[in-house]
Amino acid sequence: MLIHQTLEKYNLILASASPRRRELLEQCGIKFTLADKFECNETYDISMPVNQVATHLARLKSDAYPKSLQTNDILLTADTIVIVDNTILGKPTDRDNAVAMLRMLSGRTHIVTTGVTLRTADRVHSFSVSSSVRFREISDEEINYYIDTYKPFDKAGAYGIQEWIGYVAIEGIEGSYFNVMGLPVQRVYVELERFLTQQFV
């Protein structure tokens, strides 16, 4: 049975303000309802290994969801971070911060990790996916043009791979392109099926 059919008796709730995540789920053919916006204190211990942070933040978002889940509800939360030199880049706080982030990424390879949590009224499952992205060297003129034109202040690492900078500056990717956009939909599809049938490896 296709997961689309299995999900018909469930209410998948996407708790994310990201339009990219909504678009990716829709294009994957997965029906969902969008959660109302809610607050979450997205903090982590600085001693936490960087490869665990995205999953930790996705779980924090899940735990912060203010409504009780009903029997047929499945809550999906996610968080994407960019890692370069063991340093985590989240969403830029302002324009200067966005410029600094893109200068860090210029001419280098970085890791994009998305953590995902699936939760029902009685079960929870978290996982993460990482992709490697290589930027060519980009000039300050290009950085300023991109930031002023596309205003990537809601994006980890201050860039969106699906925007202008992705076309002109990214030399290569290892791993899931959609993960870099913000949701590894292939893995979500597989993990949802396992979650619903309780078949984990």
Protein backbone atom coordinates (compact mmCIF):
# COMPACT_ATOMS: atom_id res chain seq x y z
CA MET A 1 0.00 0.00 0.00
CA LEU A 2 1.30 3.45 -0.90
CA ILE A 3 1.97 5.80 1.99
CA HIS A 4 -0.60 8.23 0.54
CA GLN A 5 -3.26 5.58 1.20
CA THR A 6 -1.92 4.72 4.64
CA LEU A 7 -1.95 8.40 5.62
CA GLU A 8 -5.61 8.81 4.67
CA LYS A 9 -6.70 7.77 8.17
CA TYR A 10 -4.21 10.12 9.82
CA ASN A 11 -3.93 13.88 10.19
CA LEU A 12 -0.34 14.86 9.42
CA ILE A 13 0.39 18.24 11.02
CA LEU A 14 3.31 20.26 9.70
CA ALA A 15 4.56 22.60 12.41
CA SER A 16 6.79 24.86 10.34
CA ALA A 17 6.66 28.41 9.04
CA SER A 18 8.90 27.49 6.11
CA PRO A 19 7.21 27.81 2.71
CA ARG A 20 9.89 25.50 1.28
CA ARG A 21 8.87 22.65 3.58
CA ARG A 22 5.22 23.12 2.68
CA GLU A 23 6.09 23.10 -1.03
CA LEU A 24 8.25 19.97 -0.75
CA LEU A 25 5.59 17.97 1.08
CA GLU A 26 2.97 19.06 -1.45
CA GLN A 27 5.18 18.08 -4.38
CA CYS A 28 5.80 14.71 -2.73
CA GLY A 29 2.03 14.18 -2.75
CA ILE A 30 1.73 14.02 1.03
CA LYS A 31 -1.40 15.67 2.43
CA PHE A 32 -1.03 17.67 5.62
CA THR A 33 -2.53 20.45 7.69
CA LEU A 34 -0.47 23.45 8.73
CA ALA A 35 -0.09 24.12 12.44
CA ASP A 36 -0.77 27.56 13.85
CA LYS A 37 2.36 29.48 14.72
CA PHE A 38 3.69 28.89 18.23
CA GLU A 39 6.74 29.91 20.22
CA CYS A 40 9.73 27.67 20.90
CA ASN A 41 12.91 28.47 22.79
CA GLU A 42 15.43 27.07 20.30
CA THR A 43 18.47 26.64 22.51
CA TYR A 44 21.14 23.96 22.87
CA ASP A 45 24.16 23.27 25.02
CA ILE A 46 27.28 24.56 23.24
CA SER A 47 29.05 21.34 24.24
CA MET A 48 26.58 19.30 22.17
CA PRO A 49 28.19 17.69 19.09
CA VAL A 50 27.23 19.77 16.06
CA ASN A 51 25.79 16.76 14.23
CA GLN A 52 23.20 16.34 16.99
CA VAL A 53 21.96 19.93 17.15
CA ALA A 54 19.44 19.87 14.28
CA THR A 55 17.71 16.77 15.69
CA HIS A 56 17.70 18.33 19.16
CA LEU A 57 16.06 21.50 17.83
CA ALA A 58 13.46 19.53 15.87
CA ARG A 59 12.55 17.68 19.08
CA LEU A 60 12.37 20.97 21.02
CA LYS A 61 9.88 22.27 18.46
CA SER A 62 7.85 19.08 18.77
CA ASP A 63 7.78 19.31 22.57
CA ALA A 64 6.78 23.00 22.38
CA TYR A 65 3.69 22.29 20.25
CA PRO A 66 0.90 23.68 22.48
CA LYS A 67 -1.99 21.37 21.53
CA SER A 68 -2.67 17.83 22.68
CA LEU A 69 -2.33 15.32 19.87
CA GLN A 70 -5.39 13.24 19.05
CA THR A 71 -5.25 9.51 18.31
CA ASN A 72 -4.89 9.97 14.54
CA ASP A 73 -2.54 13.00 14.64
CA ILE A 74 1.08 12.89 13.49
CA LEU A 75 3.12 15.99 14.22
CA LEU A 76 6.10 16.76 11.97
CA THR A 77 8.71 19.30 13.06
CA ALA A 78 12.06 20.07 11.47
CA ASP A 79 15.11 22.28 11.82
CA THR A 80 17.92 22.95 9.35
CA ILE A 81 21.39 24.18 10.21
CA VAL A 82 24.56 24.91 8.24
CA ILE A 83 27.90 23.73 9.62
CA VAL A 84 31.28 25.08 8.56
CA ASP A 85 34.52 24.57 10.52
CA ASN A 86 32.47 22.93 13.29
CA THR A 87 30.58 26.23 13.62
CA ILE A 88 26.79 26.27 13.36
CA LEU A 89 25.15 28.90 11.18
CA GLY A 90 21.46 29.39 11.82
CA LYS A 91 19.29 32.14 10.42
CA PRO A 92 21.10 35.50 10.17
CA THR A 93 20.16 38.08 12.80
CA ASP A 94 20.59 41.02 10.41
CA ARG A 95 22.18 42.07 7.12
CA ASP A 96 25.73 42.27 8.48
CA ASN A 97 25.38 38.79 9.93
CA ALA A 98 24.13 37.48 6.57
CA VAL A 99 27.14 39.03 4.81
CA ALA A 100 29.50 37.44 7.35
CA MET A 101 27.89 34.02 6.86
CA LEU A 102 28.19 34.09 3.08
CA ARG A 103 31.81 35.23 3.32
CA MET A 104 32.45 32.17 5.53
CA LEU A 105 30.87 29.88 2.93
CA SER A 106 32.62 31.45 -0.08
CA GLY A 107 35.09 29.11 -1.79
CA ARG A 108 34.48 26.31 0.70
CA THR A 109 32.50 23.16 1.40
CA HIS A 110 29.94 23.10 4.21
CA ILE A 111 27.43 20.66 5.66
CA VAL A 112 23.67 21.19 5.74
CA THR A 113 21.86 19.07 8.33
CA THR A 114 18.10 18.83 8.80
CA GLY A 115 16.69 17.20 11.90
CA VAL A 116 13.13 15.85 11.79
CA THR A 117 10.82 14.64 14.56
CA LEU A 118 7.64 12.63 14.05
CA ARG A 119 5.32 12.40 17.06
CA THR A 120 1.93 10.93 17.85
CA ALA A 121 0.03 10.91 21.13
CA ASP A 122 2.11 7.97 22.35
CA ARG A 123 5.24 7.66 20.17
CA VAL A 124 8.12 9.83 18.98
CA HIS A 125 10.87 9.27 16.42
CA SER A 126 13.68 11.63 15.38
CA PHE A 127 16.31 11.43 12.65
CA SER A 128 18.60 13.70 10.65
CA VAL A 129 19.99 13.95 7.12
CA SER A 130 23.20 15.72 6.06
CA SER A 131 24.32 17.01 2.67
CA SER A 132 27.65 18.47 1.59
CA VAL A 133 27.58 21.70 -0.46
CA ARG A 134 30.55 23.32 -2.23
CA PHE A 135 30.55 27.06 -3.05
CA ARG A 136 32.89 28.71 -5.52
CA GLU A 137 34.46 31.95 -4.37
CA ILE A 138 31.83 34.68 -4.44
CA SER A 139 32.59 38.39 -4.45
CA ASP A 140 31.27 40.99 -2.01
CA GLU A 141 29.37 42.51 -4.93
CA GLU A 142 27.61 39.19 -5.51
CA ILE A 143 26.94 38.73 -1.81
CA ASN A 144 25.45 42.24 -1.50
CA TYR A 145 23.32 41.76 -4.62
CA TYR A 146 21.95 38.45 -3.36
CA ILE A 147 21.15 39.71 0.14
CA ASP A 148 19.54 42.94 -1.05
CA THR A 149 17.52 41.22 -3.78
CA TYR A 150 16.46 37.99 -2.06
CA LYS A 151 16.66 38.96 1.64
CA PRO A 152 17.55 35.46 2.91
CA PHE A 153 17.03 36.27 6.59
CA ASP A 154 14.74 33.28 7.17
CA LYS A 155 17.26 30.76 5.86
CA ALA A 156 20.01 28.89 7.69
CA GLY A 157 23.42 30.01 6.45
CA ALA A 158 21.80 33.06 4.81
CA TYR A 159 21.09 31.39 1.49
CA GLY A 160 18.50 29.38 -0.39
CA ILE A 161 19.82 26.79 -2.83
CA GLN A 162 16.72 27.25 -5.01
CA GLU A 163 17.44 30.97 -5.46
CA TRP A 164 19.88 32.94 -7.65
CA ILE A 165 22.91 32.12 -5.53
CA GLY A 166 22.26 28.40 -5.91
CA TYR A 167 22.39 28.70 -9.69
CA VAL A 168 25.53 30.82 -9.93
CA ALA A 169 27.64 29.88 -6.91
CA ILE A 170 27.15 26.22 -5.98
CA GLU A 171 29.69 23.97 -7.69
CA GLY A 172 28.52 20.65 -6.31
CA ILE A 173 26.36 18.77 -3.84
CA GLU A 174 26.77 15.37 -2.22
CA GLY A 175 23.53 14.09 -0.76
CA SER A 176 19.95 15.31 -0.93
CA TYR A 177 19.27 18.58 -2.77
CA PHE A 178 15.89 18.83 -1.06
CA ASN A 179 17.55 18.49 2.33
CA VAL A 180 19.50 21.66 1.54
CA MET A 181 16.16 23.32 0.71
CA GLY A 182 14.97 22.44 4.20
CA LEU A 183 13.35 19.00 4.19
CA PRO A 184 14.80 15.64 3.06
CA VAL A 185 11.48 14.48 1.60
CA GLN A 186 12.75 11.10 0.38
CA ARG A 187 13.86 10.19 3.92
CA VAL A 188 10.68 11.69 5.41
CA TYR A 189 8.63 9.50 3.07
CA VAL A 190 10.52 6.36 4.16
CA GLU A 191 10.53 7.23 7.86
CA LEU A 192 6.82 8.04 7.84
CA GLU A 193 6.07 4.61 6.42
CA ARG A 194 8.28 2.95 9.03
CA PHE A 195 6.75 5.07 11.78
CA LEU A 196 3.21 4.14 10.81
CA THR A 197 4.01 0.43 10.59
CA GLN A 198 6.49 0.54 13.51
CA GLN A 199 9.20 -1.00 11.34
CA PHE A 200 12.49 0.60 12.31
CA VAL A 201 16.00 -0.52 11.47
